Amino acid sequence: MFDISPSRIRGRLRGRPGHPLQTARATKPPPIQKLRSYALVGAVVFLAQCTPPRCAPQLTGAPAAAPPTTPVPPRPGTVGVPSNIALAPMASSQVAPGGVYENVVITGQLEIGTGQPATTFKNCLIEGSMVTYSTIIMESCTVHGGLYSYDTGGSITRTLIDTANSQGFRPGTTKVADNFTLSTPWVVTDSYIRVTKGAPGAHVEAAQVLGGVGITFRNVVFETGGPFNNTQTADLNFIGKDMLCEDCSFVGYGGYAIYSEGQNNVFLRPKFARNYQWGILFPTARFKATIIDPKHLDGTPA
């Protein structure tokens, strides 16, 4: 590539010893008309040789990645059973493991034992609590009694868990020794988990994870009810390993927004209301979580 910087041009015009222009200075310059002719011919030759796409800019490397799209946080009116769905009554005793249940109201405590095939619920209102030891798949459901699982995983999508129990969603392991080794591959997406504040002496959290490896939350709102009365431990109380919590919102009245104990727990782009009493993250856990790009709900850094 030619160097056409001003300093380089001035150096050439001065004709330093040994420079080709030093010799050219001793010869008679061509008439102005010839210089104009040379410039015109050069321009024509360049244009003739430089036709698209030959002269198009050449891009090297991978294109720049688009910035991540921030999802809209769910609200109680936008998740759960759609309002236009008619629901048929059903007793919890009628639920068989491995079945598919849609557009029903399930009353009574529901329990699914170990070693069962995956059970699917879609557009279901579950009035009692649900306890499962096997995989469940839940889509667009409303759960009023809380969801508790042990030694298993599953998926929850566009669901509202709204309860007066101590915890709304409580996955975990049956043995403390398995807290940081047993895979419990839950994936919770686009959902809202809410509990009311507790009576004095209680400890309440929107979600409490008591052991497990590989849980993922994406665009989930955690709300532990208020005002604060010293019963709200956190919006999310997590004991486990290798958790990803991405684009989640913490809007409750916990002493801390998050309690996290375990290795490789990551909170990516979390958002916080200013309702926590003492801080965003409980500060003295043995393994502190990684928090990336935290913000308050008004967009200011947290």
C-alpha atoms as a PDB file:
ATOM      1  CA  MET A   1       0.000   0.000   0.000  1.00  0.00           C
ATOM      2  CA  PHE A   2       1.306   3.472  -0.856  1.00  0.00           C
ATOM      3  CA  ASP A   3       2.261   5.749   2.004  1.00  0.00           C
ATOM      4  CA  ILE A   4       0.517   9.082   1.353  1.00  0.00           C
ATOM      5  CA  SER A   5       0.944  10.606   4.771  1.00  0.00           C
ATOM      6  CA  PRO A   6       1.915  14.349   4.774  1.00  0.00           C
ATOM      7  CA  SER A   7       5.301  13.661   6.367  1.00  0.00           C
ATOM      8  CA  ARG A   8       6.162  11.081   3.722  1.00  0.00           C
ATOM      9  CA  ILE A   9       5.145  13.401   0.905  1.00  0.00           C
ATOM     10  CA  ARG A  10       7.230  16.250   2.315  1.00  0.00           C
ATOM     11  CA  GLY A  11      10.218  13.900   2.604  1.00  0.00           C
ATOM     12  CA  ARG A  12       9.897  12.961  -1.044  1.00  0.00           C
ATOM     13  CA  LEU A  13       9.605  16.560  -2.192  1.00  0.00           C
ATOM     14  CA  ARG A  14      12.774  17.463  -0.356  1.00  0.00           C
ATOM     15  CA  GLY A  15      14.549  14.833  -2.447  1.00  0.00           C
ATOM     16  CA  ARG A  16      16.693  13.111   0.172  1.00  0.00           C
ATOM     17  CA  PRO A  17      20.084  11.759  -1.117  1.00  0.00           C
ATOM     18  CA  GLY A  18      19.564   8.510  -2.940  1.00  0.00           C
ATOM     19  CA  HIS A  19      15.841   9.093  -3.369  1.00  0.00           C
ATOM     20  CA  PRO A  20      14.536   8.697  -6.943  1.00  0.00           C
ATOM     21  CA  LEU A  21      13.147  12.234  -6.870  1.00  0.00           C
ATOM     22  CA  GLN A  22      16.673  13.601  -6.328  1.00  0.00           C
ATOM     23  CA  THR A  23      17.545  12.462  -9.847  1.00  0.00           C
ATOM     24  CA  ALA A  24      14.214  13.515 -11.284  1.00  0.00           C
ATOM     25  CA  ARG A  25      14.810  17.076 -10.054  1.00  0.00           C
ATOM     26  CA  ALA A  26      17.709  17.504 -12.519  1.00  0.00           C
ATOM     27  CA  THR A  27      15.537  16.674 -15.517  1.00  0.00           C
ATOM     28  CA  LYS A  28      13.094  19.022 -17.149  1.00  0.00           C
ATOM     29  CA  PRO A  29       9.585  18.409 -15.895  1.00  0.00           C
ATOM     30  CA  PRO A  30       6.954  17.562 -18.541  1.00  0.00           C
ATOM     31  CA  PRO A  31       4.585  20.306 -19.609  1.00  0.00           C
ATOM     32  CA  ILE A  32       1.445  20.821 -17.531  1.00  0.00           C
ATOM     33  CA  GLN A  33      -0.722  19.521 -20.372  1.00  0.00           C
ATOM     34  CA  LYS A  34       1.118  16.194 -20.333  1.00  0.00           C
ATOM     35  CA  LEU A  35       0.721  15.880 -16.558  1.00  0.00           C
ATOM     36  CA  ARG A  36      -3.010  16.358 -16.957  1.00  0.00           C
ATOM     37  CA  SER A  37      -3.061  13.745 -19.701  1.00  0.00           C
ATOM     38  CA  TYR A  38      -1.160  11.270 -17.571  1.00  0.00           C
ATOM     39  CA  ALA A  39      -3.603  11.790 -14.667  1.00  0.00           C
ATOM     40  CA  LEU A  40      -6.606  11.321 -16.960  1.00  0.00           C
ATOM     41  CA  VAL A  41      -5.208   8.141 -18.509  1.00  0.00           C
ATOM     42  CA  GLY A  42      -4.341   6.719 -15.073  1.00  0.00           C
ATOM     43  CA  ALA A  43      -7.841   7.372 -13.811  1.00  0.00           C
ATOM     44  CA  VAL A  44      -9.408   5.654 -16.823  1.00  0.00           C
ATOM     45  CA  VAL A  45      -7.142   2.621 -16.430  1.00  0.00           C
ATOM     46  CA  PHE A  46      -7.977   2.367 -12.732  1.00  0.00           C
ATOM     47  CA  LEU A  47     -11.709   2.559 -13.355  1.00  0.00           C
ATOM     48  CA  ALA A  48     -11.481  -0.034 -16.107  1.00  0.00           C
ATOM     49  CA  GLN A  49      -9.659  -2.480 -13.857  1.00  0.00           C
ATOM     50  CA  CYS A  50     -11.738  -1.783 -10.708  1.00  0.00           C
ATOM     51  CA  THR A  51     -15.231  -3.058 -11.401  1.00  0.00           C
ATOM     52  CA  PRO A  52     -17.517  -4.594  -8.756  1.00  0.00           C
ATOM     53  CA  PRO A  53     -17.204  -6.936  -7.002  1.00  0.00           C
ATOM     54  CA  ARG A  54     -13.464  -6.734  -7.527  1.00  0.00           C
ATOM     55  CA  CYS A  55     -13.179  -3.425  -5.721  1.00  0.00           C
ATOM     56  CA  ALA A  56     -15.759  -4.161  -3.056  1.00  0.00           C
ATOM     57  CA  PRO A  57     -14.454  -3.929   0.525  1.00  0.00           C
ATOM     58  CA  GLN A  58     -13.103  -7.239   1.735  1.00  0.00           C
ATOM     59  CA  LEU A  59     -14.292  -8.188   5.233  1.00  0.00           C
ATOM     60  CA  THR A  60     -12.139 -10.525   7.263  1.00  0.00           C
ATOM     61  CA  GLY A  61     -13.036 -12.469  10.386  1.00  0.00           C
ATOM     62  CA  ALA A  62     -16.451 -13.321  11.828  1.00  0.00           C
ATOM     63  CA  PRO A  63     -19.146 -10.628  11.826  1.00  0.00           C
ATOM     64  CA  ALA A  64     -19.675  -8.794  15.090  1.00  0.00           C
ATOM     65  CA  ALA A  65     -22.150 -10.549  17.369  1.00  0.00           C
ATOM     66  CA  ALA A  66     -25.451  -8.778  17.970  1.00  0.00           C
ATOM     67  CA  PRO A  67     -26.012  -7.625  21.549  1.00  0.00           C
ATOM     68  CA  PRO A  68     -28.221  -9.974  23.580  1.00  0.00           C
ATOM     69  CA  THR A  69     -31.933  -9.247  23.463  1.00  0.00           C
ATOM     70  CA  THR A  70     -33.334  -8.635  26.928  1.00  0.00           C
ATOM     71  CA  PRO A  71     -36.543 -10.637  27.392  1.00  0.00           C
ATOM     72  CA  VAL A  72     -39.636  -9.046  28.911  1.00  0.00           C
ATOM     73  CA  PRO A  73     -40.002 -10.265  32.518  1.00  0.00           C
ATOM     74  CA  PRO A  74     -43.165 -12.319  33.063  1.00  0.00           C
ATOM     75  CA  ARG A  75     -46.007 -11.097  35.258  1.00  0.00           C
ATOM     76  CA  PRO A  76     -48.812 -13.019  36.958  1.00  0.00           C
ATOM     77  CA  GLY A  77     -51.201 -11.908  34.214  1.00  0.00           C
ATOM     78  CA  THR A  78     -48.969 -13.079  31.379  1.00  0.00           C
ATOM     79  CA  VAL A  79     -48.044 -16.583  32.613  1.00  0.00           C
ATOM     80  CA  GLY A  80     -50.001 -19.443  34.079  1.00  0.00           C
ATOM     81  CA  VAL A  81     -53.219 -20.901  32.688  1.00  0.00           C
ATOM     82  CA  PRO A  82     -54.536 -18.612  29.920  1.00  0.00           C
ATOM     83  CA  SER A  83     -57.795 -16.913  30.900  1.00  0.00           C
ATOM     84  CA  ASN A  84     -59.638 -18.175  27.817  1.00  0.00           C
ATOM     85  CA  ILE A  85     -59.085 -21.874  28.628  1.00  0.00           C
ATOM     86  CA  ALA A  86     -62.014 -23.872  30.033  1.00  0.00           C
ATOM     87  CA  LEU A  87     -60.851 -26.316  32.697  1.00  0.00           C
ATOM     88  CA  ALA A  88     -62.391 -29.650  33.624  1.00  0.00           C
ATOM     89  CA  PRO A  89     -62.228 -30.910  37.249  1.00  0.00           C
ATOM     90  CA  MET A  90     -59.881 -33.736  38.159  1.00  0.00           C
ATOM     91  CA  ALA A  91     -58.763 -35.303  41.446  1.00  0.00           C
ATOM     92  CA  SER A  92     -55.061 -35.780  42.107  1.00  0.00           C
ATOM     93  CA  SER A  93     -55.703 -39.497  42.560  1.00  0.00           C
ATOM     94  CA  GLN A  94     -56.594 -39.707  38.861  1.00  0.00           C
ATOM     95  CA  VAL A  95     -53.128 -38.578  37.755  1.00  0.00           C
ATOM     96  CA  ALA A  96     -51.042 -41.508  36.531  1.00  0.00           C
ATOM     97  CA  PRO A  97     -47.248 -41.177  36.055  1.00  0.00           C
ATOM     98  CA  GLY A  98     -46.274 -40.888  32.410  1.00  0.00           C
ATOM     99  CA  GLY A  99     -49.601 -39.358  31.414  1.00  0.00           C
ATOM    100  CA  VAL A 100     -50.336 -36.122  29.589  1.00  0.00           C
ATOM    101  CA  TYR A 101     -52.825 -33.790  31.287  1.00  0.00           C
ATOM    102  CA  GLU A 102     -54.240 -30.687  29.670  1.00  0.00           C
ATOM    103  CA  ASN A 103     -56.947 -28.139  30.490  1.00  0.00           C
ATOM    104  CA  VAL A 104     -57.816 -29.528  33.938  1.00  0.00           C
ATOM    105  CA  VAL A 105     -58.122 -28.331  37.549  1.00  0.00           C
ATOM    106  CA  ILE A 106     -56.341 -30.813  39.809  1.00  0.00           C
ATOM    107  CA  THR A 107     -57.387 -30.780  43.473  1.00  0.00           C
ATOM    108  CA  GLY A 108     -55.687 -32.479  46.385  1.00  0.00           C
ATOM    109  CA  GLN A 109     -51.997 -33.136  47.016  1.00  0.00           C
ATOM    110  CA  LEU A 110     -50.308 -34.668  44.003  1.00  0.00           C
ATOM    111  CA  GLU A 111     -47.341 -37.018  44.430  1.00  0.00           C
ATOM    112  CA  ILE A 112     -45.312 -38.837  41.749  1.00  0.00           C
ATOM    113  CA  GLY A 113     -42.905 -41.528  42.967  1.00  0.00           C
ATOM    114  CA  THR A 114     -39.427 -42.535  41.883  1.00  0.00           C
ATOM    115  CA  GLY A 115     -38.523 -44.297  38.655  1.00  0.00           C
ATOM    116  CA  GLN A 116     -41.603 -43.118  36.738  1.00  0.00           C
ATOM    117  CA  PRO A 117     -41.774 -41.907  33.117  1.00  0.00           C
ATOM    118  CA  ALA A 118     -42.101 -38.168  32.533  1.00  0.00           C
ATOM    119  CA  THR A 119     -45.523 -36.714  33.297  1.00  0.00           C
ATOM    120  CA  THR A 120     -46.731 -33.708  31.307  1.00  0.00           C
ATOM    121  CA  PHE A 121     -49.052 -30.899  32.443  1.00  0.00           C
ATOM    122  CA  LYS A 122     -50.287 -28.182  30.076  1.00  0.00           C
ATOM    123  CA  ASN A 123     -52.803 -25.455  30.904  1.00  0.00           C
ATOM    124  CA  CYS A 124     -53.410 -27.049  34.309  1.00  0.00           C
ATOM    125  CA  LEU A 125     -54.510 -25.363  37.530  1.00  0.00           C
ATOM    126  CA  ILE A 126     -53.022 -27.334  40.431  1.00  0.00           C
ATOM    127  CA  GLU A 127     -54.740 -26.310  43.634  1.00  0.00           C
ATOM    128  CA  GLY A 128     -52.783 -28.472  46.058  1.00  0.00           C
ATOM    129  CA  SER A 129     -49.064 -28.992  46.486  1.00  0.00           C
ATOM    130  CA  MET A 130     -47.111 -31.180  44.078  1.00  0.00           C
ATOM    131  CA  VAL A 131     -44.310 -33.506  45.200  1.00  0.00           C
ATOM    132  CA  THR A 132     -42.355 -35.419  42.571  1.00  0.00           C
ATOM    133  CA  TYR A 133     -39.429 -37.837  42.550  1.00  0.00           C
ATOM    134  CA  SER A 134     -39.564 -38.244  38.748  1.00  0.00           C
ATOM    135  CA  THR A 135     -39.408 -35.942  35.744  1.00  0.00           C
ATOM    136  CA  ILE A 136     -42.302 -33.596  35.051  1.00  0.00           C
ATOM    137  CA  ILE A 137     -42.900 -31.240  32.132  1.00  0.00           C
ATOM    138  CA  MET A 138     -45.038 -28.226  32.948  1.00  0.00           C
ATOM    139  CA  GLU A 139     -46.232 -25.611  30.455  1.00  0.00           C
ATOM    140  CA  SER A 140     -48.586 -22.663  31.062  1.00  0.00           C
ATOM    141  CA  CYS A 141     -49.748 -23.962  34.439  1.00  0.00           C
ATOM    142  CA  THR A 142     -50.733 -22.280  37.700  1.00  0.00           C
ATOM    143  CA  VAL A 143     -49.660 -23.958  40.953  1.00  0.00           C
ATOM    144  CA  HIS A 144     -51.163 -22.740  44.239  1.00  0.00           C
ATOM    145  CA  GLY A 145     -49.705 -25.275  46.645  1.00  0.00           C
ATOM    146  CA  GLY A 146     -46.006 -25.186  45.812  1.00  0.00           C
ATOM    147  CA  LEU A 147     -43.833 -27.551  43.768  1.00  0.00           C
ATOM    148  CA  TYR A 148     -41.316 -29.808  45.546  1.00  0.00           C
ATOM    149  CA  SER A 149     -38.991 -32.264  43.808  1.00  0.00           C
ATOM    150  CA  TYR A 150     -36.252 -34.645  44.934  1.00  0.00           C
ATOM    151  CA  ASP A 151     -33.395 -36.291  43.015  1.00  0.00           C
ATOM    152  CA  THR A 152     -34.851 -35.423  39.612  1.00  0.00           C
ATOM    153  CA  GLY A 153     -35.202 -32.698  37.007  1.00  0.00           C
ATOM    154  CA  GLY A 154     -37.745 -31.444  34.527  1.00  0.00           C
ATOM    155  CA  SER A 155     -38.911 -28.338  32.702  1.00  0.00           C
ATOM    156  CA  ILE A 156     -41.221 -25.500  33.684  1.00  0.00           C
ATOM    157  CA  THR A 157     -42.285 -22.949  31.064  1.00  0.00           C
ATOM    158  CA  ARG A 158     -44.629 -19.936  31.227  1.00  0.00           C
ATOM    159  CA  THR A 159     -45.891 -21.054  34.636  1.00  0.00           C
ATOM    160  CA  LEU A 160     -47.091 -19.160  37.706  1.00  0.00           C
ATOM    161  CA  ILE A 161     -46.257 -20.654  41.100  1.00  0.00           C
ATOM    162  CA  ASP A 162     -48.150 -18.585  43.660  1.00  0.00           C
ATOM    163  CA  THR A 163     -48.451 -19.944  47.170  1.00  0.00           C
ATOM    164  CA  ALA A 164     -48.770 -19.146  50.860  1.00  0.00           C
ATOM    165  CA  ASN A 165     -46.399 -22.001  51.698  1.00  0.00           C
ATOM    166  CA  SER A 166     -42.857 -21.339  52.901  1.00  0.00           C
ATOM    167  CA  GLN A 167     -41.379 -22.018  49.442  1.00  0.00           C
ATOM    168  CA  GLY A 168     -42.930 -21.863  46.003  1.00  0.00           C
ATOM    169  CA  PHE A 169     -40.386 -24.021  44.158  1.00  0.00           C
ATOM    170  CA  ARG A 170     -38.125 -26.342  46.140  1.00  0.00           C
ATOM    171  CA  PRO A 171     -36.058 -28.857  44.211  1.00  0.00           C
ATOM    172  CA  GLY A 172     -33.276 -30.731  45.967  1.00  0.00           C
ATOM    173  CA  THR A 173     -31.701 -34.027  46.939  1.00  0.00           C
ATOM    174  CA  THR A 174     -32.876 -36.514  49.536  1.00  0.00           C
ATOM    175  CA  LYS A 175     -29.330 -36.930  50.886  1.00  0.00           C
ATOM    176  CA  VAL A 176     -27.156 -34.040  52.020  1.00  0.00           C
ATOM    177  CA  ALA A 177     -24.105 -35.949  50.728  1.00  0.00           C
ATOM    178  CA  ASP A 178     -25.522 -35.540  47.190  1.00  0.00           C
ATOM    179  CA  ASN A 179     -25.949 -31.764  47.376  1.00  0.00           C
ATOM    180  CA  PHE A 180     -23.024 -30.990  45.072  1.00  0.00           C
ATOM    181  CA  THR A 181     -22.790 -34.199  43.036  1.00  0.00           C
ATOM    182  CA  LEU A 182     -26.264 -35.348  41.955  1.00  0.00           C
ATOM    183  CA  SER A 183     -27.568 -34.049  38.626  1.00  0.00           C
ATOM    184  CA  THR A 184     -30.980 -32.393  38.955  1.00  0.00           C
ATOM    185  CA  PRO A 185     -31.346 -30.849  35.485  1.00  0.00           C
ATOM    186  CA  TRP A 186     -34.281 -28.505  35.941  1.00  0.00           C
ATOM    187  CA  VAL A 187     -34.850 -25.848  33.276  1.00  0.00           C
ATOM    188  CA  VAL A 188     -37.248 -23.093  34.374  1.00  0.00           C
ATOM    189  CA  THR A 189     -38.089 -20.505  31.717  1.00  0.00           C
ATOM    190  CA  ASP A 190     -40.358 -17.445  31.445  1.00  0.00           C
ATOM    191  CA  SER A 191     -42.066 -18.110  34.778  1.00  0.00           C
ATOM    192  CA  TYR A 192     -43.101 -16.259  37.943  1.00  0.00           C
ATOM    193  CA  ILE A 193     -42.531 -17.696  41.438  1.00  0.00           C
ATOM    194  CA  ARG A 194     -44.149 -15.913  44.373  1.00  0.00           C
ATOM    195  CA  VAL A 195     -44.757 -16.625  48.072  1.00  0.00           C
ATOM    196  CA  THR A 196     -46.416 -14.511  50.729  1.00  0.00           C
ATOM    197  CA  LYS A 197     -44.487 -13.295  53.749  1.00  0.00           C
ATOM    198  CA  GLY A 198     -44.322 -15.709  56.660  1.00  0.00           C
ATOM    199  CA  ALA A 199     -45.600 -15.562  60.204  1.00  0.00           C
ATOM    200  CA  PRO A 200     -42.965 -14.690  62.847  1.00  0.00           C
ATOM    201  CA  GLY A 201     -40.526 -17.548  63.281  1.00  0.00           C
ATOM    202  CA  ALA A 202     -40.908 -18.803  59.701  1.00  0.00           C
ATOM    203  CA  HIS A 203     -38.282 -18.705  56.944  1.00  0.00           C
ATOM    204  CA  VAL A 204     -39.687 -18.147  53.480  1.00  0.00           C
ATOM    205  CA  GLU A 205     -38.181 -17.902  49.998  1.00  0.00           C
ATOM    206  CA  ALA A 206     -39.781 -17.770  46.568  1.00  0.00           C
ATOM    207  CA  ALA A 207     -37.433 -20.604  45.582  1.00  0.00           C
ATOM    208  CA  GLN A 208     -35.256 -22.751  47.803  1.00  0.00           C
ATOM    209  CA  VAL A 209     -32.871 -25.224  46.192  1.00  0.00           C
ATOM    210  CA  LEU A 210     -31.610 -27.804  48.682  1.00  0.00           C
ATOM    211  CA  GLY A 211     -28.923 -29.507  46.638  1.00  0.00           C
ATOM    212  CA  GLY A 212     -28.421 -30.438  43.026  1.00  0.00           C
ATOM    213  CA  VAL A 213     -26.220 -29.877  39.991  1.00  0.00           C
ATOM    214  CA  GLY A 214     -27.037 -28.212  36.675  1.00  0.00           C
ATOM    215  CA  ILE A 215     -30.197 -26.200  37.313  1.00  0.00           C
ATOM    216  CA  THR A 216     -31.027 -23.407  34.835  1.00  0.00           C
ATOM    217  CA  PHE A 217     -33.339 -20.422  35.330  1.00  0.00           C
ATOM    218  CA  ARG A 218     -34.039 -18.141  32.350  1.00  0.00           C
ATOM    219  CA  ASN A 219     -36.204 -15.028  32.573  1.00  0.00           C
ATOM    220  CA  VAL A 220     -37.746 -16.035  35.889  1.00  0.00           C
ATOM    221  CA  VAL A 221     -39.129 -13.550  38.421  1.00  0.00           C
ATOM    222  CA  PHE A 222     -38.647 -14.404  42.108  1.00  0.00           C
ATOM    223  CA  GLU A 223     -40.862 -12.595  44.611  1.00  0.00           C
ATOM    224  CA  THR A 224     -40.817 -13.178  48.352  1.00  0.00           C
ATOM    225  CA  GLY A 225     -43.755 -11.179  49.716  1.00  0.00           C
ATOM    226  CA  GLY A 226     -43.453  -8.167  51.941  1.00  0.00           C
ATOM    227  CA  PRO A 227     -43.178  -5.860  53.703  1.00  0.00           C
ATOM    228  CA  PHE A 228     -40.132  -7.276  55.447  1.00  0.00           C
ATOM    229  CA  ASN A 229     -40.882  -8.835  58.848  1.00  0.00           C
ATOM    230  CA  ASN A 230     -37.672 -10.830  59.374  1.00  0.00           C
ATOM    231  CA  THR A 231     -39.127 -14.065  57.948  1.00  0.00           C
ATOM    232  CA  GLN A 232     -37.958 -13.547  54.364  1.00  0.00           C
ATOM    233  CA  THR A 233     -34.526 -15.137  53.948  1.00  0.00           C
ATOM    234  CA  ALA A 234     -34.080 -14.405  50.241  1.00  0.00           C
ATOM    235  CA  ASP A 235     -35.888 -14.403  46.918  1.00  0.00           C
ATOM    236  CA  LEU A 236     -33.690 -17.330  45.862  1.00  0.00           C
ATOM    237  CA  ASN A 237     -31.920 -19.547  48.389  1.00  0.00           C
ATOM    238  CA  PHE A 238     -29.649 -21.829  46.374  1.00  0.00           C
ATOM    239  CA  ILE A 239     -27.475 -24.658  47.689  1.00  0.00           C
ATOM    240  CA  GLY A 240     -25.984 -26.565  44.781  1.00  0.00           C
ATOM    241  CA  LYS A 241     -23.502 -26.433  41.946  1.00  0.00           C
ATOM    242  CA  ASP A 242     -23.216 -25.360  38.296  1.00  0.00           C
ATOM    243  CA  MET A 243     -26.361 -23.229  38.244  1.00  0.00           C
ATOM    244  CA  LEU A 244     -27.088 -20.657  35.526  1.00  0.00           C
ATOM    245  CA  CYS A 245     -29.571 -17.899  36.312  1.00  0.00           C
ATOM    246  CA  GLU A 246     -29.947 -15.749  33.191  1.00  0.00           C
ATOM    247  CA  ASP A 247     -32.014 -12.565  32.780  1.00  0.00           C
ATOM    248  CA  CYS A 248     -33.865 -13.207  36.049  1.00  0.00           C
ATOM    249  CA  SER A 249     -35.523 -10.604  38.270  1.00  0.00           C
ATOM    250  CA  PHE A 250     -35.499 -10.455  42.063  1.00  0.00           C
ATOM    251  CA  VAL A 251     -38.330  -8.245  43.270  1.00  0.00           C
ATOM    252  CA  GLY A 252     -39.169  -9.509  46.771  1.00  0.00           C
ATOM    253  CA  TYR A 253     -38.419  -8.476  50.330  1.00  0.00           C
ATOM    254  CA  GLY A 254     -35.699 -10.904  51.381  1.00  0.00           C
ATOM    255  CA  GLY A 255     -32.998 -10.011  53.826  1.00  0.00           C
ATOM    256  CA  TYR A 256     -30.796 -10.606  50.798  1.00  0.00           C
ATOM    257  CA  ALA A 257     -32.011 -10.955  47.231  1.00  0.00           C
ATOM    258  CA  ILE A 258     -29.829 -14.056  46.738  1.00  0.00           C
ATOM    259  CA  TYR A 259     -28.254 -16.657  48.985  1.00  0.00           C
ATOM    260  CA  SER A 260     -25.938 -18.896  46.959  1.00  0.00           C
ATOM    261  CA  GLU A 261     -23.668 -21.651  48.270  1.00  0.00           C
ATOM    262  CA  GLY A 262     -21.782 -23.825  45.785  1.00  0.00           C
ATOM    263  CA  GLN A 263     -19.238 -23.748  43.000  1.00  0.00           C
ATOM    264  CA  ASN A 264     -19.778 -22.346  39.506  1.00  0.00           C
ATOM    265  CA  ASN A 265     -23.099 -20.651  40.164  1.00  0.00           C
ATOM    266  CA  VAL A 266     -23.526 -17.799  37.685  1.00  0.00           C
ATOM    267  CA  PHE A 267     -26.049 -14.959  37.586  1.00  0.00           C
ATOM    268  CA  LEU A 268     -26.035 -13.317  34.152  1.00  0.00           C
ATOM    269  CA  ARG A 269     -27.725  -9.939  33.697  1.00  0.00           C
ATOM    270  CA  PRO A 270     -29.847 -10.161  36.881  1.00  0.00           C
ATOM    271  CA  LYS A 271     -32.236  -7.334  37.752  1.00  0.00           C
ATOM    272  CA  PHE A 272     -33.149  -6.222  41.250  1.00  0.00           C
ATOM    273  CA  ALA A 273     -35.850  -4.199  42.919  1.00  0.00           C
ATOM    274  CA  ARG A 274     -34.628  -2.160  45.860  1.00  0.00           C
ATOM    275  CA  ASN A 275     -36.646  -4.172  48.386  1.00  0.00           C
ATOM    276  CA  TYR A 276     -33.822  -6.256  49.880  1.00  0.00           C
ATOM    277  CA  GLN A 277     -32.832  -5.271  53.417  1.00  0.00           C
ATOM    278  CA  TRP A 278     -29.075  -5.826  53.619  1.00  0.00           C
ATOM    279  CA  GLY A 279     -27.735  -6.471  50.124  1.00  0.00           C
ATOM    280  CA  ILE A 280     -27.996  -8.318  46.843  1.00  0.00           C
ATOM    281  CA  LEU A 281     -25.845 -11.332  47.736  1.00  0.00           C
ATOM    282  CA  PHE A 282     -25.271 -12.971  51.114  1.00  0.00           C
ATOM    283  CA  PRO A 283     -21.610 -12.061  51.664  1.00  0.00           C
ATOM    284  CA  THR A 284     -20.095 -14.888  53.720  1.00  0.00           C
ATOM    285  CA  ALA A 285     -20.919 -18.014  51.706  1.00  0.00           C
ATOM    286  CA  ARG A 286     -17.979 -20.383  51.332  1.00  0.00           C
ATOM    287  CA  PHE A 287     -18.246 -20.285  47.507  1.00  0.00           C
ATOM    288  CA  LYS A 288     -19.452 -16.947  46.232  1.00  0.00           C
ATOM    289  CA  ALA A 289     -21.543 -16.787  43.100  1.00  0.00           C
ATOM    290  CA  THR A 290     -20.427 -14.955  39.971  1.00  0.00           C
ATOM    291  CA  ILE A 291     -22.689 -12.017  39.134  1.00  0.00           C
ATOM    292  CA  ILE A 292     -22.306 -10.488  35.654  1.00  0.00           C
ATOM    293  CA  ASP A 293     -23.842  -7.144  34.610  1.00  0.00           C
ATOM    294  CA  PRO A 294     -26.298  -6.675  37.502  1.00  0.00           C
ATOM    295  CA  LYS A 295     -28.806  -3.827  37.281  1.00  0.00           C
ATOM    296  CA  HIS A 296     -31.688  -2.401  39.233  1.00  0.00           C
ATOM    297  CA  LEU A 297     -35.084  -2.471  37.579  1.00  0.00           C
ATOM    298  CA  ASP A 298     -34.673   1.183  36.587  1.00  0.00           C
ATOM    299  CA  GLY A 299     -31.562   0.277  34.566  1.00  0.00           C
ATOM    300  CA  THR A 300     -28.958   1.716  36.954  1.00  0.00           C
ATOM    301  CA  PRO A 301     -26.015  -0.518  37.933  1.00  0.00           C
ATOM    302  CA  ALA A 302     -26.612  -2.617  41.032  1.00  0.00           C
END
